[in-house]
Amino acid sequence: MGVPSRLVSAVVAPSPPLFSVRPAGVADVDGLVAIEARCFETDRIARRSFRKLVEAPTAAITVASLPDGQLVGYTLLLFRTGTGMARLYSIAVLPEMRGSGIGAALMAEAERVAFARDRFLLRLEVREDNAAGIQLYERLGYRRIGRYLDYYEDHADALRFEKRLRGPAQSTSVRYYEQTTDFTCGPCCVMMALGHFRKDYAMSPVEEIKLWRQATTVFMMAGLGGCDPHGLAVSAARNGLAASIHVSREGSLFLESVRDPEKRRVMALAQEDFRHQTIAFEIPIAYQPLDVAAIRKALAGGALVIVLISAYRMFGKKVPHWVLVVGDDGRHLFIHDPWVEDREHETHNDAANLPIPYADFGHMARWGREALRAAVVLRPR
């Protein structure tokens, strides 16, 4: 392998359907090679590679065929073990069949296959001069996340796109709220829980900052402070919810990356005060991390759960981040992520009720070198 992705596809949906899509088998190798020869002048996948890929557990090839059995297009997905991501390595449709909806149908099946393998992200690269392909991906909800220079064999540049996969529609009664600052993810999770459990509660930027002031660990010249689980639980209790804290260790949190000794001192004192307040509000603290099974049990009992994650697996930033777990379908935990990447053209649809496979959630629900794990379980009082 080692050949970069090439994307050639269609835009218009078929009416009536003249083709079908299905998984590729060994018998399709000749047809795949023929499509490759017709669609690409460079960066072609060799017969030997197709032969291996149709049976490889880390790949999935879907073909489109006419009623007479002729192959007219294909997609090739690659899966990296231990991640929640699939990559669309290649898609091609015969030139004479473009415009008949084959590309869109192949993309829909690729997304279904990726989601069925517990991938929640699908990424791809497309030639910067492939206007039809770019139009299709944007219409299907893909957002641009980057660019590769001199990417293809002929030195053409590539654009990178990404889409969060959802699978079958899932609904939730928990209202979504997008954070309006860079530092209020935790308070926004508390606010969404308040909006769910208290029907008269109005979510707003004023409430967002009020909850942050109740829960933040520090506010100094060095910058705005985030929130630890004790502060979030105290804020929720102040506003009428029952809270319990689950954290992987005792003591002050989030200090390992703070270099300024004065800021460390103030953060430690603020967190000590929050721990004292948990006693006053009768908030139980369990020094044992909440695993996926325990989160599912809490959800089944009517609770919502705020969980600390590493934002790296969500949007590529190595920062601690709070999300609200709002549902469970037997394979995924559904989260409301208060952060929306407006600069990457995300909308609420990209961040609300997002399904995360259990294994991936377990990997992302920890922070820093010490793999800190923290959660706050919220219920109506």
Protein backbone atom coordinates (compact mmCIF):
# COMPACT_ATOMS: atom_id res chain seq x y z
CA MET A 1 0.00 0.00 0.00
CA GLY A 2 1.33 3.47 0.88
CA VAL A 3 -0.69 5.03 -1.95
CA PRO A 4 -2.62 8.17 -0.94
CA SER A 5 -6.39 8.45 -1.29
CA ARG A 6 -8.00 9.46 -4.56
CA LEU A 7 -11.63 10.47 -4.74
CA VAL A 8 -13.75 10.43 -7.89
CA SER A 9 -17.50 10.33 -7.35
CA ALA A 10 -20.96 11.50 -8.35
CA VAL A 11 -23.35 14.11 -7.03
CA VAL A 12 -26.92 13.48 -8.20
CA ALA A 13 -29.17 10.96 -6.40
CA PRO A 14 -30.58 8.13 -8.58
CA SER A 15 -34.21 7.95 -9.72
CA PRO A 16 -35.11 5.20 -10.28
CA PRO A 17 -32.24 3.09 -8.86
CA LEU A 18 -30.36 1.25 -11.57
CA PHE A 19 -27.70 -0.34 -9.40
CA SER A 20 -27.12 -2.05 -6.07
CA VAL A 21 -24.33 -1.88 -3.50
CA ARG A 22 -22.84 -4.84 -1.61
CA PRO A 23 -19.59 -5.98 0.05
CA ALA A 24 -16.83 -6.96 -2.36
CA GLY A 25 -15.46 -10.49 -2.59
CA VAL A 26 -12.49 -12.19 -4.19
CA ALA A 27 -14.51 -12.69 -7.38
CA ASP A 28 -14.72 -8.90 -7.76
CA VAL A 29 -10.99 -8.28 -8.01
CA ASP A 30 -10.96 -8.19 -11.82
CA GLY A 31 -13.81 -5.67 -11.83
CA LEU A 32 -12.08 -3.52 -9.23
CA VAL A 33 -8.87 -3.47 -11.25
CA ALA A 34 -10.84 -2.48 -14.35
CA ILE A 35 -12.49 0.43 -12.52
CA GLU A 36 -9.09 1.51 -11.21
CA ALA A 37 -7.62 1.56 -14.72
CA ARG A 38 -10.56 3.59 -16.08
CA CYS A 39 -10.67 6.16 -13.27
CA PHE A 40 -7.06 6.91 -12.37
CA GLU A 41 -3.94 7.66 -14.35
CA THR A 42 -1.68 7.65 -11.26
CA ASP A 43 -1.74 6.30 -7.69
CA ARG A 44 -3.50 3.11 -8.80
CA ILE A 45 -4.17 0.25 -6.41
CA ALA A 46 -2.55 -2.93 -7.74
CA ARG A 47 -4.37 -6.24 -8.29
CA ARG A 48 -2.31 -7.87 -5.56
CA SER A 49 -3.35 -5.15 -3.09
CA PHE A 50 -7.05 -5.50 -3.99
CA ARG A 51 -6.75 -9.25 -3.50
CA LYS A 52 -5.45 -8.73 0.04
CA LEU A 53 -7.82 -5.90 0.91
CA VAL A 54 -11.06 -7.76 0.10
CA GLU A 55 -10.25 -10.20 2.91
CA ALA A 56 -8.32 -7.93 5.31
CA PRO A 57 -10.00 -7.37 8.71
CA THR A 58 -8.73 -3.78 8.71
CA ALA A 59 -10.40 -2.90 5.39
CA ALA A 60 -13.87 -2.93 3.83
CA ILE A 61 -14.59 -2.65 0.11
CA THR A 62 -18.12 -1.95 -1.12
CA VAL A 63 -18.98 -2.26 -4.81
CA ALA A 64 -21.81 -0.87 -6.92
CA SER A 65 -23.07 -3.15 -9.68
CA LEU A 66 -25.62 -3.04 -12.48
CA PRO A 67 -28.40 -5.66 -12.78
CA ASP A 68 -26.19 -7.64 -15.20
CA GLY A 69 -23.44 -7.83 -12.57
CA GLN A 70 -21.04 -5.30 -14.07
CA LEU A 71 -19.13 -3.34 -11.42
CA VAL A 72 -19.42 0.41 -11.91
CA GLY A 73 -17.94 1.81 -8.68
CA TYR A 74 -16.41 1.02 -5.32
CA THR A 75 -15.33 2.47 -1.98
CA LEU A 76 -12.40 1.33 0.15
CA LEU A 77 -12.42 1.95 3.90
CA LEU A 78 -9.45 1.41 6.18
CA PHE A 79 -9.73 0.92 9.95
CA ARG A 80 -6.94 1.57 12.42
CA THR A 81 -7.11 -0.79 15.38
CA GLY A 82 -7.75 0.87 18.72
CA THR A 83 -9.25 4.08 17.35
CA GLY A 84 -12.76 5.36 16.71
CA MET A 85 -11.88 6.50 13.20
CA ALA A 86 -12.33 5.06 9.72
CA ARG A 87 -10.64 6.45 6.63
CA LEU A 88 -12.14 6.54 3.15
CA TYR A 89 -9.01 5.56 1.27
CA SER A 90 -10.51 5.51 -2.19
CA ILE A 91 -13.79 5.92 -4.06
CA ALA A 92 -14.30 5.61 -7.81
CA VAL A 93 -17.19 5.53 -10.27
CA LEU A 94 -16.87 4.72 -13.99
CA PRO A 95 -16.88 7.95 -16.04
CA GLU A 96 -20.01 7.07 -18.02
CA MET A 97 -21.95 6.31 -14.82
CA ARG A 98 -21.22 9.55 -12.98
CA GLY A 99 -24.25 11.67 -12.26
CA SER A 100 -26.49 8.66 -11.57
CA GLY A 101 -26.19 8.73 -7.76
CA ILE A 102 -23.70 5.90 -7.42
CA GLY A 103 -21.20 8.03 -5.53
CA ALA A 104 -23.80 9.16 -3.01
CA ALA A 105 -25.04 5.59 -2.51
CA LEU A 106 -21.51 4.29 -2.00
CA MET A 107 -20.83 7.03 0.54
CA ALA A 108 -24.01 6.20 2.45
CA GLU A 109 -23.02 2.54 2.61
CA ALA A 110 -19.46 3.43 3.65
CA GLU A 111 -20.83 5.44 6.56
CA ARG A 112 -23.13 2.59 7.57
CA VAL A 113 -20.25 0.08 7.47
CA ALA A 114 -17.96 2.37 9.47
CA PHE A 115 -20.61 2.98 12.13
CA ALA A 116 -21.35 -0.75 12.34
CA ARG A 117 -17.67 -1.23 13.21
CA ASP A 118 -18.03 1.26 16.08
CA ARG A 119 -16.31 4.14 14.30
CA PHE A 120 -17.70 7.56 15.10
CA LEU A 121 -15.45 9.54 12.72
CA LEU A 122 -14.98 9.10 8.97
CA ARG A 123 -12.14 11.02 7.33
CA LEU A 124 -11.10 11.36 3.72
CA GLU A 125 -8.82 13.25 1.36
CA VAL A 126 -9.90 14.68 -1.99
CA ARG A 127 -7.97 16.38 -4.76
CA GLU A 128 -8.23 20.13 -4.44
CA ASP A 129 -9.26 20.35 -8.11
CA ASN A 130 -12.03 17.73 -7.78
CA ALA A 131 -14.97 20.14 -7.61
CA ALA A 132 -17.63 17.43 -8.02
CA GLY A 133 -16.20 15.34 -5.19
CA ILE A 134 -15.90 18.32 -2.86
CA GLN A 135 -19.49 19.33 -3.63
CA LEU A 136 -20.71 15.84 -2.80
CA TYR A 137 -18.89 15.61 0.54
CA GLU A 138 -20.03 19.04 1.65
CA ARG A 139 -23.62 18.18 0.71
CA LEU A 140 -23.35 14.99 2.76
CA GLY A 141 -22.25 16.90 5.85
CA TYR A 142 -18.47 16.56 5.73
CA ARG A 143 -16.44 19.50 7.01
CA ARG A 144 -12.99 20.56 5.90
CA ILE A 145 -10.32 19.99 8.55
CA GLY A 146 -7.05 20.56 6.71
CA ARG A 147 -4.93 20.43 3.59
CA TYR A 148 -2.01 18.32 2.38
CA LEU A 149 0.47 19.89 -0.03
CA ASP A 150 2.05 17.82 -2.82
CA TYR A 151 -0.05 14.84 -1.70
CA TYR A 152 -0.60 12.86 -4.89
CA GLU A 153 1.83 11.24 -7.27
CA ASP A 154 1.33 14.08 -9.77
CA HIS A 155 2.07 16.61 -6.98
CA ALA A 156 -1.55 17.79 -6.66
CA ASP A 157 -2.70 19.05 -3.26
CA ALA A 158 -5.42 17.35 -1.19
CA LEU A 159 -8.13 18.69 1.08
CA ARG A 160 -9.01 16.75 4.24
CA PHE A 161 -12.63 16.26 5.31
CA GLU A 162 -14.28 14.68 8.33
CA LYS A 163 -17.77 13.66 9.43
CA ARG A 164 -19.10 12.42 12.78
CA LEU A 165 -21.20 9.33 12.19
CA ARG A 166 -24.51 8.74 13.94
CA GLY A 167 -26.12 5.61 12.59
CA PRO A 168 -29.86 5.17 13.21
CA ALA A 169 -31.56 8.25 14.62
CA GLN A 170 -31.63 8.47 18.43
CA SER A 171 -33.66 11.00 20.38
CA THR A 172 -33.18 12.55 23.78
CA SER A 173 -35.29 14.86 25.90
CA VAL A 174 -32.19 16.60 27.27
CA ARG A 175 -31.96 20.07 25.77
CA TYR A 176 -28.63 21.06 24.25
CA TYR A 177 -26.66 24.23 25.03
CA GLU A 178 -23.47 25.43 23.31
CA GLN A 179 -20.84 27.03 25.52
CA THR A 180 -20.16 30.66 24.68
CA THR A 181 -16.64 30.85 26.16
CA ASP A 182 -13.54 28.67 25.97
CA PHE A 183 -13.66 27.79 29.69
CA THR A 184 -17.27 26.96 30.61
CA CYS A 185 -17.73 23.40 29.34
CA GLY A 186 -18.34 22.04 32.86
CA PRO A 187 -20.86 24.71 33.91
CA CYS A 188 -22.70 24.23 30.60
CA CYS A 189 -23.05 20.52 31.41
CA VAL A 190 -24.51 21.46 34.80
CA MET A 191 -26.84 23.91 33.07
CA MET A 192 -28.08 21.28 30.59
CA ALA A 193 -28.82 18.96 33.52
CA LEU A 194 -30.69 21.77 35.31
CA GLY A 195 -32.66 22.44 32.13
CA HIS A 196 -33.61 18.76 31.98
CA PHE A 197 -34.57 18.21 35.62
CA ARG A 198 -36.11 21.64 36.24
CA LYS A 199 -38.68 22.38 33.55
CA ASP A 200 -38.93 26.03 34.62
CA TYR A 201 -35.19 26.58 34.25
CA ALA A 202 -34.03 28.88 31.43
CA MET A 203 -30.55 28.27 30.01
CA SER A 204 -28.71 31.45 29.05
CA PRO A 205 -25.23 33.02 28.88
CA VAL A 206 -25.96 34.80 32.16
CA GLU A 207 -26.66 31.44 33.85
CA GLU A 208 -23.57 29.97 32.16
CA ILE A 209 -21.28 32.56 33.76
CA LYS A 210 -23.12 32.37 37.10
CA LEU A 211 -22.57 28.61 37.28
CA TRP A 212 -18.94 29.05 36.24
CA ARG A 213 -18.36 31.56 39.04
CA GLN A 214 -19.86 29.06 41.49
CA ALA A 215 -17.69 26.19 40.24
CA THR A 216 -14.38 27.58 38.94
CA THR A 217 -11.10 26.72 40.63
CA VAL A 218 -9.26 29.99 39.98
CA PHE A 219 -9.51 33.41 38.35
CA MET A 220 -6.18 35.22 38.15
CA MET A 221 -4.10 37.45 35.93
CA ALA A 222 -2.67 34.27 34.41
CA GLY A 223 -6.03 33.49 32.84
CA LEU A 224 -9.49 32.07 33.32
CA GLY A 225 -9.84 28.88 35.31
CA GLY A 226 -11.66 25.68 34.53
CA CYS A 227 -13.73 23.61 36.95
CA ASP A 228 -12.96 20.52 38.98
CA PRO A 229 -15.58 17.84 39.81
CA HIS A 230 -16.07 19.13 43.37
CA GLY A 231 -16.89 22.64 42.15
CA LEU A 232 -19.32 21.33 39.53
CA ALA A 233 -21.09 19.16 42.10
CA VAL A 234 -21.37 22.05 44.57
CA SER A 235 -22.76 24.31 41.85
CA ALA A 236 -25.37 21.68 40.90
CA ALA A 237 -26.34 21.25 44.57
CA ARG A 238 -26.66 25.01 45.08
CA ASN A 239 -29.21 25.01 42.26
CA GLY A 240 -31.35 22.17 43.52
CA LEU A 241 -29.87 18.94 42.15
CA ALA A 242 -28.58 15.86 43.98
CA ALA A 243 -24.95 15.19 43.08
CA SER A 244 -22.34 12.53 43.71
CA ILE A 245 -18.65 12.68 42.79
CA HIS A 246 -16.48 9.90 41.42
CA VAL A 247 -12.77 10.61 41.05
CA SER A 248 -9.73 8.37 40.68
CA ARG A 249 -7.71 9.93 43.50
CA GLU A 250 -7.84 12.30 46.45
CA GLY A 251 -6.28 15.75 46.60
CA SER A 252 -6.03 18.72 44.26
CA LEU A 253 -6.50 18.13 40.53
CA PHE A 254 -5.21 19.64 37.27
CA LEU A 255 -2.04 21.05 38.87
CA GLU A 256 0.55 19.04 36.96
CA SER A 257 0.53 21.41 33.97
CA VAL A 258 0.43 24.64 36.02
CA ARG A 259 3.93 26.14 36.18
CA ASP A 260 3.22 29.32 38.11
CA PRO A 261 3.61 28.48 41.84
CA GLU A 262 1.18 31.21 42.93
CA LYS A 263 -1.52 29.94 40.57
CA ARG A 264 -0.92 26.40 41.83
CA ARG A 265 -1.32 27.61 45.41
CA VAL A 266 -4.58 29.45 44.73
CA MET A 267 -6.00 26.53 42.71
CA ALA A 268 -5.19 24.11 45.51
CA LEU A 269 -6.87 26.38 48.08
CA ALA A 270 -9.96 26.83 45.89
CA GLN A 271 -10.29 23.08 45.47
CA GLU A 272 -9.83 22.52 49.20
CA ASP A 273 -12.71 24.93 49.82
CA PHE A 274 -14.91 23.04 47.36
CA ARG A 275 -14.15 19.77 49.16
CA HIS A 276 -15.28 21.40 52.44
CA GLN A 277 -18.47 22.58 50.72
CA THR A 278 -19.27 19.05 49.56
CA ILE A 279 -19.56 18.13 53.24
CA ALA A 280 -21.97 21.01 53.88
CA PHE A 281 -24.12 19.97 50.91
CA GLU A 282 -23.88 16.25 51.85
CA ILE A 283 -22.37 15.35 48.47
CA PRO A 284 -20.85 11.85 48.59
CA ILE A 285 -17.38 11.36 47.11
CA ALA A 286 -16.18 7.97 45.86
CA TYR A 287 -12.46 7.72 45.14
CA GLN A 288 -13.08 5.16 42.46
CA PRO A 289 -13.53 5.99 38.77
CA LEU A 290 -16.93 5.53 37.16
CA ASP A 291 -16.60 3.00 34.34
CA VAL A 292 -18.94 2.57 31.38
CA ALA A 293 -21.04 -0.06 33.17
CA ALA A 294 -21.57 2.26 36.14
CA ILE A 295 -22.46 5.17 33.83
CA ARG A 296 -25.02 2.99 32.05
CA LYS A 297 -26.52 1.98 35.40
CA ALA A 298 -26.80 5.63 36.45
CA LEU A 299 -28.50 6.54 33.16
CA ALA A 300 -30.94 3.65 33.56
CA GLY A 301 -31.84 5.07 36.97
CA GLY A 302 -32.75 8.44 35.47
CA ALA A 303 -29.48 10.28 36.17
CA LEU A 304 -27.29 12.35 33.87
CA VAL A 305 -23.50 12.10 34.16
CA ILE A 306 -20.86 14.79 33.61
CA VAL A 307 -17.59 13.13 32.58
CA LEU A 308 -14.06 14.47 32.19
CA ILE A 309 -12.50 13.55 28.84
CA SER A 310 -9.40 14.38 26.87
CA ALA A 311 -10.53 16.67 24.05
CA TYR A 312 -7.83 15.27 21.78
CA ARG A 313 -9.96 12.42 20.47
CA MET A 314 -12.89 14.78 19.90
CA PHE A 315 -11.31 17.79 18.24
CA GLY A 316 -7.55 17.35 18.33
CA LYS A 317 -6.72 19.56 21.33
CA LYS A 318 -4.84 18.26 24.37
CA VAL A 319 -6.99 19.94 26.99
CA PRO A 320 -9.31 18.60 29.72
CA HIS A 321 -12.94 18.86 28.73
CA TRP A 322 -16.32 18.10 30.33
CA VAL A 323 -19.21 16.46 28.44
CA LEU A 324 -22.69 15.42 29.53
CA VAL A 325 -23.69 11.77 29.02
CA VAL A 326 -27.40 11.74 28.13
CA GLY A 327 -28.18 8.27 26.70
CA ASP A 328 -27.25 4.67 26.00
CA ASP A 329 -28.32 2.31 23.21
CA GLY A 330 -26.52 -0.89 24.24
CA ARG A 331 -23.39 -0.13 22.19
CA HIS A 332 -22.83 3.61 22.54
CA LEU A 333 -22.99 6.31 25.16
CA PHE A 334 -24.61 9.45 23.77
CA ILE A 335 -23.11 12.76 24.80
CA HIS A 336 -23.94 16.44 24.59
CA ASP A 337 -20.57 18.10 23.93
CA PRO A 338 -20.98 21.81 24.75
CA TRP A 339 -18.07 22.76 22.50
CA VAL A 340 -18.93 23.49 18.84
CA GLU A 341 -16.01 24.10 16.45
CA ASP A 342 -17.48 27.14 14.71
CA ARG A 343 -14.21 27.78 12.90
CA GLU A 344 -14.50 24.31 11.35
CA HIS A 345 -18.13 24.94 10.32
CA GLU A 346 -19.59 22.63 12.96
CA THR A 347 -23.17 23.10 14.11
CA HIS A 348 -25.21 21.83 17.06
CA ASN A 349 -25.92 18.72 14.99
CA ASP A 350 -22.23 17.82 15.21
CA ALA A 351 -22.05 18.15 18.99
CA ALA A 352 -25.47 17.17 20.38
CA ASN A 353 -26.50 13.57 21.11
CA LEU A 354 -23.24 12.24 19.67
CA PRO A 355 -22.84 8.42 19.91
CA ILE A 356 -19.48 7.20 21.24
CA PRO A 357 -18.75 3.44 21.26
CA TYR A 358 -18.17 2.07 24.76
CA ALA A 359 -14.51 1.20 24.17
CA ASP A 360 -13.70 4.61 22.72
CA PHE A 361 -15.48 6.37 25.55
CA GLY A 362 -13.44 4.37 28.04
CA HIS A 363 -10.23 5.50 26.33
CA MET A 364 -11.16 9.18 26.10
CA ALA A 365 -12.60 9.46 29.64
CA ARG A 366 -9.25 10.20 31.27
CA TRP A 367 -6.88 13.12 31.34
CA GLY A 368 -3.16 13.78 31.56
CA ARG A 369 -0.15 11.64 32.32
CA GLU A 370 -1.77 10.24 35.43
CA ALA A 371 -4.91 9.27 33.45
CA LEU A 372 -7.13 11.20 35.85
CA ARG A 373 -10.74 10.04 35.74
CA ALA A 374 -13.59 12.09 37.15
CA ALA A 375 -17.38 12.20 36.88
CA VAL A 376 -20.33 13.88 38.57
CA VAL A 377 -23.66 12.04 38.67
CA LEU A 378 -26.69 14.36 38.79
CA ARG A 379 -30.29 13.58 39.74
CA PRO A 380 -33.33 15.61 40.73
CA ARG A 381 -33.39 16.22 44.47
